Amino acid sequence: TMLLTRINCADWSDVCTKQNVTEFPIVKMYKKGENPVSYAGMLGTEDLLKFIQLNRISYPVNIISIQEAEEYLSGELYKDLISYSSVSVLGLFSPTMKTGRKKVND
């Protein structure tokens, strides 16, 4: 479920100031516990839908089982997102590779 809200900064200037809204129109996606992601693309339906779909899950995705890795490689894991992006990266890290994992997570 996703809630879409439109705010008029003339009426809600305190909200716009807190969210650092300095130009209009602007689209931001908020997820609990994460910083908002700003959309910088065209405001057409297709481009905006792509942004929403690709940002509805958090990245990076932690794959913790062989079955999940197989589903990822076969295109079954998040198959509804394949039409929005053809770029994908799979990193394999052993528990001792803390620096590599930290760089990917950052």
Protein backbone atom coordinates (compact mmCIF):
# COMPACT_ATOMS: atom_id res chain seq x y z
CA THR A 1 0.00 0.00 0.00
CA MET A 2 1.24 3.44 -0.87
CA LEU A 3 -0.18 6.80 0.16
CA LEU A 4 0.16 9.67 -2.31
CA THR A 5 -0.16 13.19 -0.97
CA ARG A 6 -0.02 16.60 -2.62
CA ILE A 7 0.94 19.61 -0.52
CA ASN A 8 0.51 23.25 -1.47
CA CYS A 9 3.58 25.01 -0.02
CA ALA A 10 1.67 28.31 0.09
CA ASP A 11 -0.68 26.72 2.63
CA TRP A 12 1.84 24.41 4.33
CA SER A 13 5.07 26.43 4.28
CA ASP A 14 6.27 24.91 7.58
CA VAL A 15 6.08 21.39 6.12
CA CYS A 16 7.87 22.44 2.93
CA THR A 17 10.59 24.20 4.93
CA LYS A 18 11.16 21.14 7.15
CA GLN A 19 11.41 18.92 4.06
CA ASN A 20 13.78 21.33 2.28
CA VAL A 21 11.39 21.90 -0.61
CA THR A 22 12.83 24.82 -2.56
CA GLU A 23 11.49 24.20 -6.07
CA PHE A 24 8.16 23.13 -7.50
CA PRO A 25 6.89 20.67 -8.48
CA ILE A 26 8.88 18.07 -6.56
CA VAL A 27 8.16 14.41 -5.90
CA LYS A 28 9.64 12.69 -2.85
CA MET A 29 9.20 9.12 -1.68
CA TYR A 30 9.25 8.50 2.05
CA LYS A 31 9.79 5.14 3.73
CA LYS A 32 9.70 4.60 7.47
CA GLY A 33 13.17 4.82 8.98
CA GLU A 34 14.85 6.00 5.75
CA ASN A 35 15.77 9.32 4.20
CA PRO A 36 13.36 10.53 1.51
CA VAL A 37 14.28 9.87 -2.12
CA SER A 38 13.72 12.75 -4.55
CA TYR A 39 12.50 12.10 -8.07
CA ALA A 40 14.36 14.04 -10.76
CA GLY A 41 12.75 12.66 -13.91
CA MET A 42 9.94 13.76 -16.17
CA LEU A 43 6.51 14.03 -14.57
CA GLY A 44 4.83 11.74 -17.09
CA THR A 45 2.93 8.71 -15.89
CA GLU A 46 5.35 6.08 -17.21
CA ASP A 47 8.52 7.63 -15.77
CA LEU A 48 6.91 8.38 -12.42
CA LEU A 49 5.52 4.84 -12.17
CA LYS A 50 8.99 3.44 -12.89
CA PHE A 51 10.43 5.56 -10.05
CA ILE A 52 7.74 4.39 -7.63
CA GLN A 53 8.09 0.72 -8.56
CA LEU A 54 11.89 0.67 -8.35
CA ASN A 55 11.90 2.46 -4.99
CA ARG A 56 9.21 0.52 -3.20
CA ILE A 57 11.75 -2.02 -1.93
CA SER A 58 14.86 -1.12 0.03
CA TYR A 59 18.29 -1.61 -1.48
CA PRO A 60 20.48 -3.48 -1.23
CA VAL A 61 18.35 -6.61 -1.01
CA ASN A 62 19.91 -9.12 1.35
CA ILE A 63 19.60 -12.61 -0.10
CA ILE A 64 20.12 -15.09 2.70
CA SER A 65 19.41 -18.48 1.18
CA ILE A 66 20.43 -20.49 -1.86
CA GLN A 67 16.77 -20.62 -2.92
CA GLU A 68 16.52 -16.81 -2.88
CA ALA A 69 19.76 -16.56 -4.89
CA GLU A 70 18.38 -18.99 -7.48
CA GLU A 71 15.11 -17.03 -7.68
CA TYR A 72 17.11 -13.82 -8.12
CA LEU A 73 19.29 -15.27 -10.89
CA SER A 74 16.29 -16.78 -12.70
CA GLY A 75 14.36 -13.51 -12.53
CA GLU A 76 11.64 -14.83 -10.23
CA LEU A 77 12.61 -12.69 -7.23
CA TYR A 78 11.01 -9.28 -7.86
CA LYS A 79 9.87 -10.38 -11.33
CA ASP A 80 7.35 -7.52 -11.37
CA LEU A 81 10.29 -5.07 -11.50
CA ILE A 82 12.09 -6.58 -14.50
CA SER A 83 10.18 -4.43 -16.98
CA TYR A 84 11.42 -1.28 -15.20
CA SER A 85 15.17 -2.02 -15.13
CA SER A 86 17.51 -4.39 -16.91
CA VAL A 87 20.48 -3.62 -14.65
CA SER A 88 21.14 -5.89 -11.71
CA VAL A 89 24.16 -6.68 -9.54
CA LEU A 90 24.66 -9.71 -7.33
CA GLY A 91 27.43 -9.51 -4.72
CA LEU A 92 28.55 -12.63 -2.91
CA PHE A 93 30.26 -11.96 0.42
CA SER A 94 31.61 -14.32 3.04
CA PRO A 95 31.08 -13.35 6.69
CA THR A 96 34.70 -12.17 6.89
CA MET A 97 34.32 -9.67 4.02
CA LYS A 98 32.97 -6.87 6.22
CA THR A 99 34.59 -4.02 4.26
CA GLY A 100 33.07 -5.15 0.94
CA ARG A 101 29.62 -5.58 2.46
CA LYS A 102 29.81 -2.17 4.13
CA LYS A 103 30.67 -0.49 0.81
CA VAL A 104 27.70 -2.12 -0.92
CA ASN A 105 25.35 -1.19 1.92
CA ASP A 106 26.53 2.42 1.93
